[in-house]
N, C-alpha and C. Protein backbone atom coordinates (compact mmCIF):
# COMPACT_ATOMS: atom_id res chain seq x y z
N MET A 1 -16.41 94.52 -18.75
CA MET A 1 -15.13 93.89 -19.33
C MET A 1 -15.72 92.47 -18.80
N GLN A 2 -15.46 91.38 -19.84
CA GLN A 2 -15.96 90.14 -19.86
C GLN A 2 -14.70 89.36 -19.16
N LEU A 3 -15.11 88.59 -18.13
CA LEU A 3 -14.19 87.81 -17.37
C LEU A 3 -14.16 86.35 -17.81
N GLU A 4 -12.82 85.90 -17.67
CA GLU A 4 -12.73 84.38 -18.30
C GLU A 4 -13.50 83.42 -17.33
N PRO A 5 -13.86 82.34 -17.81
CA PRO A 5 -14.91 81.37 -16.91
C PRO A 5 -13.84 80.99 -16.01
N PRO A 6 -14.30 80.64 -14.81
CA PRO A 6 -13.41 80.14 -13.59
C PRO A 6 -12.67 78.48 -13.98
N VAL A 7 -11.60 78.54 -13.59
CA VAL A 7 -10.86 77.22 -14.09
C VAL A 7 -11.24 76.29 -12.83
N ASP A 8 -11.75 75.31 -12.90
CA ASP A 8 -12.00 74.20 -11.97
C ASP A 8 -11.25 73.25 -12.30
N ILE A 9 -10.09 73.11 -11.28
CA ILE A 9 -9.10 71.88 -11.42
C ILE A 9 -8.91 71.22 -10.24
N SER A 10 -9.23 70.09 -10.19
CA SER A 10 -9.28 69.15 -9.07
C SER A 10 -8.06 68.53 -8.92
N ARG A 11 -7.74 68.04 -7.49
CA ARG A 11 -6.38 67.43 -7.20
C ARG A 11 -5.95 66.40 -8.13
N ASP A 12 -6.59 65.37 -8.61
CA ASP A 12 -6.44 64.35 -9.63
C ASP A 12 -6.09 64.96 -10.89
N ASP A 13 -6.76 65.79 -11.29
CA ASP A 13 -6.53 66.67 -12.72
C ASP A 13 -5.13 67.25 -12.50
N ALA A 14 -4.84 67.75 -11.39
CA ALA A 14 -3.43 68.36 -11.27
C ALA A 14 -2.36 67.75 -11.17
N ALA A 15 -2.40 66.40 -10.47
CA ALA A 15 -1.51 65.59 -10.44
C ALA A 15 -1.28 64.79 -11.90
N ARG A 16 -2.37 64.61 -12.90
CA ARG A 16 -2.23 64.21 -14.07
C ARG A 16 -1.58 64.99 -14.97
N GLU A 17 -1.78 66.28 -14.85
CA GLU A 17 -1.25 67.49 -15.74
C GLU A 17 0.27 67.47 -15.29
N ALA A 18 0.65 67.44 -14.11
CA ALA A 18 1.96 67.60 -13.46
C ALA A 18 2.84 66.21 -14.07
N ALA A 19 2.18 65.17 -14.04
CA ALA A 19 2.82 63.89 -14.41
C ALA A 19 2.97 63.76 -15.85
N LYS A 20 1.87 64.16 -16.68
CA LYS A 20 2.16 64.34 -18.04
C LYS A 20 3.42 65.36 -18.53
N GLU A 21 3.46 66.49 -17.72
CA GLU A 21 4.48 67.30 -17.98
C GLU A 21 6.08 66.64 -17.87
N LEU A 22 6.02 66.03 -16.71
CA LEU A 22 7.18 65.45 -16.41
C LEU A 22 7.75 64.03 -16.83
N SER A 23 6.71 63.60 -17.82
CA SER A 23 6.82 62.44 -18.42
C SER A 23 7.47 62.67 -19.98
N LYS A 24 7.73 63.97 -20.13
CA LYS A 24 8.24 64.00 -21.57
C LYS A 24 9.65 63.70 -21.80
N PRO A 25 9.96 63.24 -22.65
CA PRO A 25 11.37 62.65 -22.89
C PRO A 25 12.62 63.35 -22.40
N VAL A 26 12.54 64.55 -22.41
CA VAL A 26 13.74 65.38 -21.74
C VAL A 26 13.83 65.03 -20.19
N TYR A 27 12.82 64.77 -19.51
CA TYR A 27 12.93 64.45 -18.15
C TYR A 27 13.19 62.90 -17.97
N GLY A 28 12.79 62.10 -18.91
CA GLY A 28 13.21 60.75 -18.74
C GLY A 28 14.66 60.67 -19.03
N GLN A 29 15.24 61.31 -19.79
CA GLN A 29 16.67 61.20 -20.07
C GLN A 29 17.54 61.83 -18.89
N ALA A 30 17.06 62.47 -18.00
CA ALA A 30 17.49 63.32 -16.85
C ALA A 30 18.33 62.43 -15.77
N GLY A 31 17.55 61.45 -15.45
CA GLY A 31 17.95 60.93 -14.10
C GLY A 31 17.68 59.30 -13.88
N ASP A 32 17.97 59.05 -12.79
CA ASP A 32 17.92 57.59 -12.53
C ASP A 32 16.75 57.17 -11.70
N SER A 33 16.71 56.06 -10.94
CA SER A 33 15.84 55.76 -10.25
C SER A 33 15.49 56.71 -8.97
N VAL A 34 16.75 57.36 -8.45
CA VAL A 34 16.44 58.15 -7.36
C VAL A 34 15.68 59.44 -7.72
N VAL A 35 15.88 59.83 -8.68
CA VAL A 35 15.36 60.98 -9.39
C VAL A 35 14.04 60.88 -9.89
N THR A 36 13.59 59.52 -10.04
CA THR A 36 12.17 59.18 -10.24
C THR A 36 11.23 58.92 -9.08
N ARG A 37 11.90 58.46 -8.10
CA ARG A 37 11.21 58.60 -6.75
C ARG A 37 11.00 59.91 -6.23
N ALA A 38 12.04 60.69 -6.32
CA ALA A 38 11.79 62.25 -5.73
C ALA A 38 10.69 62.88 -6.83
N ILE A 39 10.76 62.54 -7.77
CA ILE A 39 9.51 63.43 -8.75
C ILE A 39 8.15 62.73 -8.27
N ASN A 40 8.19 61.45 -7.84
CA ASN A 40 6.80 61.04 -7.52
C ASN A 40 6.32 61.48 -6.34
N LYS A 41 7.39 61.77 -5.20
CA LYS A 41 6.91 62.37 -3.96
C LYS A 41 6.39 63.81 -4.14
N VAL A 42 7.18 64.40 -5.00
CA VAL A 42 6.75 65.81 -5.12
C VAL A 42 5.48 65.86 -5.76
N LEU A 43 4.94 64.81 -6.95
CA LEU A 43 3.83 64.75 -7.27
C LEU A 43 2.63 64.73 -6.50
N ASP A 44 2.94 63.87 -5.58
CA ASP A 44 2.16 63.50 -4.44
C ASP A 44 1.77 64.65 -3.69
N TRP A 45 2.85 65.50 -3.33
CA TRP A 45 2.81 66.50 -2.33
C TRP A 45 1.91 67.88 -3.07
N ILE A 46 2.21 67.90 -4.42
CA ILE A 46 1.50 68.72 -5.22
C ILE A 46 0.08 68.39 -5.12
N GLY A 47 -0.22 67.32 -5.42
CA GLY A 47 -1.72 67.04 -5.45
C GLY A 47 -2.41 67.29 -4.17
N GLU A 48 -1.59 67.02 -3.08
CA GLU A 48 -2.11 67.11 -1.73
C GLU A 48 -2.44 68.74 -1.47
N LEU A 49 -1.35 69.59 -1.65
CA LEU A 49 -1.30 70.82 -1.45
C LEU A 49 -2.45 71.51 -2.43
N LEU A 50 -2.53 71.12 -3.72
CA LEU A 50 -3.59 71.72 -4.76
C LEU A 50 -4.97 71.13 -4.19
N GLY A 51 -5.08 70.03 -3.56
CA GLY A 51 -6.30 69.92 -3.07
C GLY A 51 -6.94 70.95 -1.87
N ASP A 52 -6.11 71.28 -0.85
CA ASP A 52 -6.40 72.12 -0.13
C ASP A 52 -6.72 73.48 -0.65
N LEU A 53 -5.54 73.92 -1.50
CA LEU A 53 -6.04 75.14 -2.23
C LEU A 53 -7.26 75.29 -2.82
N THR A 54 -7.65 74.44 -3.55
CA THR A 54 -8.83 74.45 -4.57
C THR A 54 -10.10 74.56 -3.39
N GLY A 55 -9.89 73.91 -2.30
CA GLY A 55 -10.90 73.88 -1.21
C GLY A 55 -11.14 75.29 -0.70
N GLN A 56 -10.02 76.15 -0.74
CA GLN A 56 -10.03 77.38 0.01
C GLN A 56 -10.47 78.53 -1.23
N SER A 57 -10.10 78.13 -2.36
CA SER A 57 -10.65 79.15 -3.73
C SER A 57 -11.55 78.47 -4.71
N PRO A 58 -12.80 78.94 -4.46
CA PRO A 58 -13.95 78.31 -5.15
C PRO A 58 -13.56 78.53 -6.59
N ASP A 59 -12.80 79.48 -7.39
CA ASP A 59 -12.84 79.52 -8.71
C ASP A 59 -11.62 78.71 -9.02
N GLY A 60 -10.95 78.16 -8.11
CA GLY A 60 -9.76 77.49 -8.69
C GLY A 60 -8.53 78.26 -9.11
N HIS A 61 -8.48 79.43 -9.40
CA HIS A 61 -7.54 80.44 -10.00
C HIS A 61 -6.23 80.24 -9.15
N LEU A 62 -6.39 80.36 -7.92
CA LEU A 62 -5.15 80.35 -6.89
C LEU A 62 -4.68 78.95 -7.03
N GLY A 63 -5.39 77.93 -6.96
CA GLY A 63 -4.68 76.75 -7.14
C GLY A 63 -4.01 76.42 -8.61
N LEU A 64 -4.49 77.02 -9.61
CA LEU A 64 -3.60 76.73 -10.79
C LEU A 64 -2.65 77.45 -10.80
N ILE A 65 -2.59 78.75 -10.39
CA ILE A 65 -1.32 79.57 -10.15
C ILE A 65 -0.11 79.03 -9.49
N MET A 66 -0.72 78.33 -8.17
CA MET A 66 0.49 77.60 -7.42
C MET A 66 0.81 76.61 -8.14
N LEU A 67 0.01 75.78 -8.93
CA LEU A 67 0.43 74.55 -9.52
C LEU A 67 1.47 74.98 -10.57
N VAL A 68 1.17 75.83 -11.39
CA VAL A 68 2.30 76.24 -12.27
C VAL A 68 3.34 76.65 -11.71
N GLY A 69 3.64 77.59 -10.75
CA GLY A 69 4.69 77.78 -10.01
C GLY A 69 5.53 76.70 -9.40
N LEU A 70 4.59 76.07 -8.80
CA LEU A 70 5.37 74.78 -8.20
C LEU A 70 6.02 73.76 -9.29
N LEU A 71 5.22 73.60 -10.36
CA LEU A 71 5.65 72.67 -11.46
C LEU A 71 6.89 73.29 -12.16
N ALA A 72 7.22 74.53 -12.22
CA ALA A 72 8.10 75.05 -12.83
C ALA A 72 9.32 74.80 -11.99
N LEU A 73 9.04 75.08 -10.88
CA LEU A 73 10.39 74.94 -9.68
C LEU A 73 10.78 73.57 -9.77
N VAL A 74 9.82 72.66 -9.70
CA VAL A 74 10.23 71.21 -9.71
C VAL A 74 11.05 70.76 -10.88
N VAL A 75 10.55 71.49 -11.97
CA VAL A 75 11.33 70.96 -13.22
C VAL A 75 12.56 71.70 -13.39
N ILE A 76 12.86 72.59 -12.88
CA ILE A 76 14.32 73.31 -12.54
C ILE A 76 15.21 72.52 -11.86
N VAL A 77 14.58 72.18 -10.67
CA VAL A 77 15.32 71.44 -9.65
C VAL A 77 15.95 69.91 -10.32
N VAL A 78 14.97 69.35 -10.96
CA VAL A 78 15.03 68.02 -11.48
C VAL A 78 16.09 68.15 -12.25
N LEU A 79 15.98 68.89 -13.20
CA LEU A 79 16.91 69.06 -14.61
C LEU A 79 18.17 69.36 -13.95
N TRP A 80 18.43 70.44 -12.93
CA TRP A 80 19.65 70.91 -12.42
C TRP A 80 20.41 69.76 -11.78
N ARG A 81 19.80 69.13 -10.86
CA ARG A 81 20.32 67.99 -10.19
C ARG A 81 20.65 66.74 -10.70
N ALA A 82 19.88 66.56 -12.22
CA ALA A 82 20.28 65.46 -13.00
C ALA A 82 21.44 65.87 -13.94
N GLY A 83 21.82 66.81 -14.02
CA GLY A 83 22.81 67.56 -15.04
C GLY A 83 22.51 67.79 -16.30
N VAL A 84 21.31 67.82 -16.65
CA VAL A 84 20.85 68.20 -17.96
C VAL A 84 20.87 69.73 -18.17
N LEU A 85 20.53 70.61 -17.46
CA LEU A 85 20.90 72.14 -17.55
C LEU A 85 22.37 72.25 -17.46
N ARG A 86 23.10 71.63 -16.90
CA ARG A 86 24.50 71.96 -16.72
C ARG A 86 25.09 71.30 -18.03
N THR A 87 24.79 70.45 -18.63
CA THR A 87 25.12 69.76 -19.84
C THR A 87 24.68 70.47 -21.06
N THR A 88 23.35 71.05 -21.10
CA THR A 88 22.98 71.74 -22.45
C THR A 88 23.50 73.05 -22.58
N ARG A 89 23.98 73.74 -21.36
CA ARG A 89 24.47 74.92 -21.40
C ARG A 89 25.67 75.05 -22.26
N GLY A 90 26.56 73.98 -22.44
CA GLY A 90 27.84 73.92 -23.22
C GLY A 90 27.68 73.15 -24.37
N THR A 91 26.67 72.95 -25.04
CA THR A 91 26.34 72.00 -26.16
C THR A 91 27.46 72.05 -26.96
N LYS A 92 27.88 73.28 -27.43
CA LYS A 92 28.99 73.53 -28.42
C LYS A 92 30.22 72.90 -27.96
N SER A 93 30.53 72.81 -26.78
CA SER A 93 31.70 72.35 -26.18
C SER A 93 31.89 70.91 -25.66
N ALA A 94 30.63 70.16 -25.81
CA ALA A 94 30.59 68.91 -25.22
C ALA A 94 31.13 67.87 -26.28
N ALA A 95 32.34 67.90 -26.84
CA ALA A 95 32.81 67.07 -27.78
C ALA A 95 33.49 66.25 -27.02
N VAL A 96 33.64 64.96 -27.56
CA VAL A 96 34.55 64.00 -27.04
C VAL A 96 35.98 64.34 -26.78
N PHE A 97 36.56 65.12 -27.78
CA PHE A 97 38.04 65.46 -27.85
C PHE A 97 38.04 66.84 -27.62
N ASP A 98 39.02 67.30 -26.80
CA ASP A 98 39.15 68.87 -26.48
C ASP A 98 39.58 69.59 -27.91
N SER A 99 40.30 68.78 -28.73
CA SER A 99 40.79 69.28 -30.06
C SER A 99 40.99 68.08 -30.90
N ALA A 100 41.80 68.28 -32.01
CA ALA A 100 41.97 67.08 -32.70
C ALA A 100 42.66 65.83 -31.97
N LYS A 101 42.20 64.87 -32.45
CA LYS A 101 42.66 63.46 -31.90
C LYS A 101 44.13 63.35 -31.68
N SER A 102 44.89 63.45 -30.60
CA SER A 102 46.44 63.35 -30.64
C SER A 102 46.96 62.08 -30.15
N ARG A 103 46.14 61.09 -29.78
CA ARG A 103 46.58 59.98 -29.13
C ARG A 103 46.00 58.63 -29.63
N THR A 104 46.66 57.49 -29.75
CA THR A 104 45.80 56.18 -30.17
C THR A 104 44.92 55.94 -29.37
N ALA A 105 44.07 54.90 -29.63
CA ALA A 105 43.16 54.36 -28.49
C ALA A 105 43.92 53.49 -27.65
N ALA A 106 45.03 52.81 -27.77
CA ALA A 106 45.68 52.22 -26.85
C ALA A 106 46.31 53.26 -25.94
N GLU A 107 46.74 54.29 -26.43
CA GLU A 107 47.37 55.39 -25.38
C GLU A 107 46.33 55.88 -24.58
N TYR A 108 45.01 56.15 -24.83
CA TYR A 108 43.98 56.65 -24.21
C TYR A 108 43.48 55.46 -23.39
N ARG A 109 43.47 54.31 -23.69
CA ARG A 109 42.99 53.11 -23.05
C ARG A 109 44.08 53.00 -21.42
N GLU A 110 45.40 53.12 -22.02
CA GLU A 110 46.28 52.99 -20.99
C GLU A 110 46.33 54.00 -19.88
N GLN A 111 46.12 55.20 -20.45
CA GLN A 111 45.70 56.42 -19.60
C GLN A 111 44.40 56.21 -18.71
N ALA A 112 43.46 55.68 -19.18
CA ALA A 112 42.25 55.39 -18.54
C ALA A 112 42.29 54.23 -17.25
N GLU A 113 43.11 53.45 -17.58
CA GLU A 113 43.47 52.35 -16.47
C GLU A 113 44.11 52.96 -15.28
N ALA A 114 45.39 53.75 -15.72
CA ALA A 114 46.17 54.29 -14.66
C ALA A 114 45.13 55.22 -13.81
N GLU A 115 44.02 56.21 -14.45
CA GLU A 115 43.33 56.80 -13.73
C GLU A 115 42.43 56.13 -12.74
N ALA A 116 41.93 55.05 -13.14
CA ALA A 116 40.90 54.25 -12.57
C ALA A 116 41.64 53.52 -11.42
N SER A 117 42.92 52.98 -11.55
CA SER A 117 43.88 52.32 -10.42
C SER A 117 43.89 53.57 -9.37
N SER A 118 43.93 54.72 -9.92
CA SER A 118 44.28 55.75 -8.67
C SER A 118 43.00 56.34 -8.10
N GLY A 119 41.99 55.78 -8.54
CA GLY A 119 40.55 56.22 -7.88
C GLY A 119 39.82 57.36 -8.76
N ASP A 120 40.64 57.87 -9.68
CA ASP A 120 39.98 59.19 -10.31
C ASP A 120 39.31 58.60 -11.41
N TYR A 121 37.79 58.00 -11.07
CA TYR A 121 37.05 57.80 -12.10
C TYR A 121 36.39 58.52 -13.00
N ALA A 122 36.37 59.98 -12.66
CA ALA A 122 36.05 60.88 -13.32
C ALA A 122 36.58 60.93 -14.98
N ALA A 123 37.99 61.20 -14.48
CA ALA A 123 39.16 61.32 -15.48
C ALA A 123 39.11 59.85 -16.39
N ALA A 124 39.06 58.68 -15.66
CA ALA A 124 38.79 57.29 -16.38
C ALA A 124 37.75 57.16 -17.20
N VAL A 125 36.73 57.77 -17.04
CA VAL A 125 35.61 57.94 -17.99
C VAL A 125 35.87 58.56 -19.23
N ARG A 126 36.27 59.77 -19.04
CA ARG A 126 36.75 60.69 -19.95
C ARG A 126 37.57 59.78 -21.07
N SER A 127 38.76 59.36 -20.54
CA SER A 127 39.76 58.78 -21.23
C SER A 127 39.34 57.26 -22.02
N ARG A 128 38.59 56.80 -21.20
CA ARG A 128 38.02 55.35 -21.98
C ARG A 128 37.32 55.58 -22.88
N PHE A 129 36.16 56.50 -22.75
CA PHE A 129 35.41 56.83 -23.97
C PHE A 129 36.11 57.36 -25.18
N ARG A 130 37.25 58.35 -24.77
CA ARG A 130 37.88 58.73 -25.78
C ARG A 130 38.72 57.33 -26.58
N ALA A 131 38.97 56.49 -25.82
CA ALA A 131 39.82 55.44 -26.37
C ALA A 131 38.68 54.59 -27.15
N CYS A 132 37.43 54.74 -26.75
CA CYS A 132 36.19 53.89 -27.65
C CYS A 132 36.27 54.66 -28.85
N VAL A 133 35.95 55.89 -28.76
CA VAL A 133 36.12 56.36 -30.36
C VAL A 133 37.21 56.44 -30.97
N ALA A 134 38.43 56.66 -30.47
CA ALA A 134 39.66 56.53 -31.28
C ALA A 134 39.72 54.99 -31.67
N GLU A 135 39.36 53.98 -31.06
CA GLU A 135 39.32 52.70 -31.85
C GLU A 135 38.38 52.41 -33.01
N LEU A 136 37.23 53.19 -32.82
CA LEU A 136 36.21 53.02 -33.88
C LEU A 136 36.63 53.93 -35.23
N THR A 137 37.46 54.84 -34.75
CA THR A 137 38.18 55.67 -35.79
C THR A 137 39.23 55.11 -36.67
N GLU A 138 39.98 54.41 -35.71
CA GLU A 138 41.30 53.51 -36.39
C GLU A 138 40.70 52.26 -37.11
N ARG A 139 39.38 51.81 -36.71
CA ARG A 139 38.72 50.61 -37.42
C ARG A 139 37.87 51.19 -38.59
N THR A 140 37.91 52.41 -38.90
CA THR A 140 37.36 53.21 -40.08
C THR A 140 35.72 52.84 -39.72
N VAL A 141 35.15 52.68 -38.53
CA VAL A 141 33.83 52.73 -38.55
C VAL A 141 33.32 54.08 -38.50
N LEU A 142 34.20 54.97 -37.86
CA LEU A 142 34.00 56.55 -37.79
C LEU A 142 35.11 57.16 -38.54
N ASP A 143 34.56 58.20 -39.15
CA ASP A 143 35.58 59.18 -39.74
C ASP A 143 36.12 60.15 -38.97
N GLU A 144 37.32 60.77 -39.23
CA GLU A 144 38.04 61.74 -38.48
C GLU A 144 36.91 63.06 -38.72
N ARG A 145 36.48 63.62 -37.37
CA ARG A 145 35.55 64.78 -37.55
C ARG A 145 35.94 65.24 -36.07
N ALA A 146 36.39 66.83 -36.21
CA ALA A 146 36.34 67.46 -34.99
C ALA A 146 35.11 67.87 -34.51
N GLY A 147 35.07 67.97 -33.23
CA GLY A 147 33.86 68.47 -32.55
C GLY A 147 32.83 67.58 -32.42
N ARG A 148 32.96 66.15 -32.74
CA ARG A 148 31.80 65.25 -32.66
C ARG A 148 31.61 64.91 -30.97
N THR A 149 30.30 64.78 -30.82
CA THR A 149 29.89 64.63 -29.31
C THR A 149 29.59 63.12 -29.22
N ALA A 150 29.45 62.76 -27.93
CA ALA A 150 29.45 61.46 -27.68
C ALA A 150 28.15 60.78 -28.15
N TYR A 151 27.07 61.62 -28.16
CA TYR A 151 25.93 61.04 -28.99
C TYR A 151 25.77 61.12 -30.37
N GLU A 152 26.84 61.93 -30.69
CA GLU A 152 26.91 61.91 -32.33
C GLU A 152 27.74 60.80 -32.99
N ALA A 153 28.82 60.43 -31.97
CA ALA A 153 29.52 59.20 -32.14
C ALA A 153 28.76 57.84 -32.14
N VAL A 154 27.75 57.83 -31.20
CA VAL A 154 26.83 56.72 -31.06
C VAL A 154 26.02 56.66 -32.31
N ALA A 155 25.46 57.70 -33.05
CA ALA A 155 24.65 57.64 -34.17
C ALA A 155 25.15 57.43 -35.30
N ASP A 156 26.44 57.99 -35.39
CA ASP A 156 27.29 57.72 -36.52
C ASP A 156 27.73 56.15 -36.65
N ALA A 157 28.37 55.79 -35.32
CA ALA A 157 28.66 54.37 -35.51
C ALA A 157 27.77 53.40 -35.58
N GLY A 158 26.54 53.63 -34.96
CA GLY A 158 25.14 52.67 -35.16
C GLY A 158 24.95 52.62 -36.39
N ARG A 159 24.88 53.61 -37.30
CA ARG A 159 24.44 53.50 -38.66
C ARG A 159 25.28 52.60 -39.36
N VAL A 160 26.50 52.42 -39.13
CA VAL A 160 27.58 51.45 -39.88
C VAL A 160 27.44 50.42 -39.34
N VAL A 161 27.54 50.18 -38.05
CA VAL A 161 27.58 48.88 -37.28
C VAL A 161 26.50 48.80 -36.23
N PRO A 162 25.22 48.43 -36.45
CA PRO A 162 23.98 48.60 -35.83
C PRO A 162 24.20 47.76 -34.44
N ALA A 163 24.89 46.94 -34.40
CA ALA A 163 25.28 46.15 -33.25
C ALA A 163 25.98 46.97 -32.16
N LEU A 164 26.51 48.04 -32.39
CA LEU A 164 27.12 48.93 -31.60
C LEU A 164 26.31 49.63 -30.70
N ARG A 165 25.10 50.08 -31.17
CA ARG A 165 24.12 50.87 -30.50
C ARG A 165 24.11 50.59 -29.14
N ASP A 166 23.85 49.36 -28.82
CA ASP A 166 23.17 49.01 -27.26
C ASP A 166 24.46 49.23 -26.23
N PRO A 167 25.49 48.87 -26.67
CA PRO A 167 26.90 49.24 -25.79
C PRO A 167 27.28 50.68 -25.64
N LEU A 168 26.83 51.36 -26.81
CA LEU A 168 27.51 52.70 -27.00
C LEU A 168 26.73 53.59 -26.38
N GLN A 169 25.29 53.56 -26.46
CA GLN A 169 24.39 54.58 -25.76
C GLN A 169 24.54 54.84 -24.41
N PRO A 170 24.57 53.82 -23.53
CA PRO A 170 24.82 54.05 -22.06
C PRO A 170 26.06 54.79 -21.75
N ALA A 171 27.08 54.32 -22.53
CA ALA A 171 28.55 55.04 -22.35
C ALA A 171 28.35 56.53 -22.58
N ALA A 172 27.64 56.61 -23.63
CA ALA A 172 27.72 58.06 -24.07
C ALA A 172 27.13 59.03 -23.05
N LEU A 173 25.99 58.34 -22.70
CA LEU A 173 25.41 59.13 -21.47
C LEU A 173 26.20 59.23 -20.09
N VAL A 174 26.67 58.20 -19.79
CA VAL A 174 27.95 58.40 -18.54
C VAL A 174 28.77 59.59 -18.91
N PHE A 175 29.43 59.27 -20.22
CA PHE A 175 30.61 60.14 -20.62
C PHE A 175 30.07 61.80 -20.43
N THR A 176 28.77 61.95 -21.01
CA THR A 176 28.31 63.23 -21.02
C THR A 176 27.84 63.91 -19.63
N GLU A 177 27.11 62.89 -18.73
CA GLU A 177 27.02 63.35 -17.35
C GLU A 177 28.14 63.85 -16.41
N VAL A 178 29.16 62.90 -16.65
CA VAL A 178 30.32 63.11 -15.95
C VAL A 178 31.29 64.24 -16.34
N VAL A 179 31.71 64.18 -17.79
CA VAL A 179 32.48 65.14 -18.16
C VAL A 179 32.01 66.63 -18.23
N TYR A 180 30.54 66.55 -18.57
CA TYR A 180 30.00 67.92 -19.00
C TYR A 180 28.82 68.21 -17.95
N GLY A 181 28.45 67.22 -17.36
CA GLY A 181 27.23 67.65 -16.42
C GLY A 181 27.53 67.37 -14.83
N ASN A 182 28.85 67.35 -14.60
CA ASN A 182 29.27 67.33 -13.23
C ASN A 182 28.81 66.25 -12.41
N ARG A 183 28.59 64.96 -12.94
CA ARG A 183 28.00 63.97 -12.20
C ARG A 183 29.41 63.19 -11.71
N PRO A 184 29.30 62.54 -10.58
CA PRO A 184 30.48 61.99 -9.98
C PRO A 184 31.02 60.84 -10.74
N GLY A 185 32.24 60.60 -11.02
CA GLY A 185 32.74 59.42 -11.58
C GLY A 185 32.75 58.10 -10.54
N THR A 186 32.06 57.03 -10.98
CA THR A 186 32.13 55.85 -10.20
C THR A 186 32.80 54.75 -10.86
N ALA A 187 33.31 53.62 -9.96
CA ALA A 187 33.53 52.44 -10.60
C ALA A 187 32.42 51.94 -11.46
N GLU A 188 31.15 51.89 -11.37
CA GLU A 188 30.04 51.41 -11.83
C GLU A 188 30.04 52.21 -13.17
N ARG A 189 30.29 53.49 -13.19
CA ARG A 189 30.16 54.11 -14.24
C ARG A 189 31.13 53.76 -15.30
N TYR A 190 32.34 53.93 -14.78
CA TYR A 190 33.61 53.36 -15.55
C TYR A 190 33.44 52.16 -16.34
N ASN A 191 32.95 51.18 -15.67
CA ASN A 191 32.61 49.85 -15.99
C ASN A 191 31.78 49.74 -17.28
N VAL A 192 30.80 50.75 -17.30
CA VAL A 192 29.86 51.04 -18.49
C VAL A 192 30.46 51.44 -19.72
N VAL A 193 31.47 52.43 -19.51
CA VAL A 193 32.43 52.63 -20.53
C VAL A 193 33.24 51.77 -20.91
N VAL A 194 33.94 50.99 -20.24
CA VAL A 194 35.01 49.78 -20.35
C VAL A 194 34.03 48.73 -21.42
N ALA A 195 32.82 48.49 -20.88
CA ALA A 195 31.97 47.60 -21.92
C ALA A 195 31.83 48.26 -23.31
N ALA A 196 31.76 49.36 -23.41
CA ALA A 196 31.42 49.90 -24.65
C ALA A 196 32.87 49.68 -25.51
N ASP A 197 33.83 50.11 -24.65
CA ASP A 197 35.37 50.31 -25.51
C ASP A 197 35.52 48.66 -26.15
N GLN A 198 35.10 47.83 -24.97
CA GLN A 198 35.46 46.28 -25.50
C GLN A 198 34.61 45.98 -26.66
N ALA A 199 33.51 46.40 -26.57
CA ALA A 199 32.37 46.00 -27.90
C ALA A 199 33.10 46.62 -28.86
N ALA A 200 33.74 47.98 -29.00
CA ALA A 200 34.38 48.55 -30.11
C ALA A 200 35.40 47.85 -30.77
N ARG A 201 36.37 47.27 -29.80
CA ARG A 201 37.52 46.44 -29.96
C ARG A 201 37.17 45.10 -30.67
N HIS A 202 36.08 44.61 -30.40
CA HIS A 202 36.01 43.29 -30.74
C HIS A 202 34.83 43.00 -31.79
N VAL A 203 33.96 43.95 -32.05
CA VAL A 203 32.73 43.87 -33.05
C VAL A 203 33.49 43.42 -34.46
N SER A 204 32.63 42.69 -35.05
CA SER A 204 33.08 42.29 -36.31
C SER A 204 32.87 43.32 -37.41
N THR A 205 33.91 43.63 -38.29
CA THR A 205 33.70 44.76 -39.24
C THR A 205 32.99 43.88 -40.13
N ARG A 206 32.75 42.81 -40.38
CA ARG A 206 31.91 42.00 -41.31
C ARG A 206 30.32 42.73 -41.21
N ALA A 207 30.17 43.23 -40.03
CA ALA A 207 28.66 43.92 -39.80
C ALA A 207 28.64 45.45 -40.44
N LEU A 208 29.75 45.74 -40.98
CA LEU A 208 29.67 47.09 -41.49
C LEU A 208 28.42 47.04 -42.47
N VAL A 209 27.45 48.14 -42.29
CA VAL A 209 26.68 48.55 -43.43
C VAL A 209 27.08 49.25 -44.65
N GLN A 210 27.03 48.66 -45.75
CA GLN A 210 27.62 49.22 -46.74
C GLN A 210 26.77 50.26 -47.33
N GLY A 211 27.43 51.40 -47.56
CA GLY A 211 26.57 52.64 -47.97
C GLY A 211 26.33 52.65 -49.53
């Protein structure tokens, strides 16, 4: 039986491969600076551990196996803590509205302000982003469509009014992470959504892209 040639992987090569994997867009979307720092620390640790393992195993196979296992564990933990796995598992239900929109933008906005005043920022984020989408619908930037997700709302509105992309994108991320990813609502996150809602209210409809 012919054996595969030994895999000789160095500490630096292993660290580069791990960094390459974790630099993919899905991981970049997953977290903030805290997560990034955690990833960097884990990469350093993997590199050190692999250096020890390859020194003990001349053919490098043990080190490679350990690298794959550790990298898989790191990816799962990072995505779970960042809310990506908890968000994507319910993609079909991650709509802005639970059912057909039943309130006006002003009503959602009033509800959001009351929730924020009481300190319930998670609920306030949900209501204020709904106010934003309802506002865009009332202004005919968006059409009425059941089941539209936050990211779809950004894409649809951005095609019609390109100036809305920048304020809406971070708000959509906050909404999705808080409402569907179990991330905590905070005053800072709520303010991101408020900024998007204000942009939706004040953007000039003269900026509409004619189809």
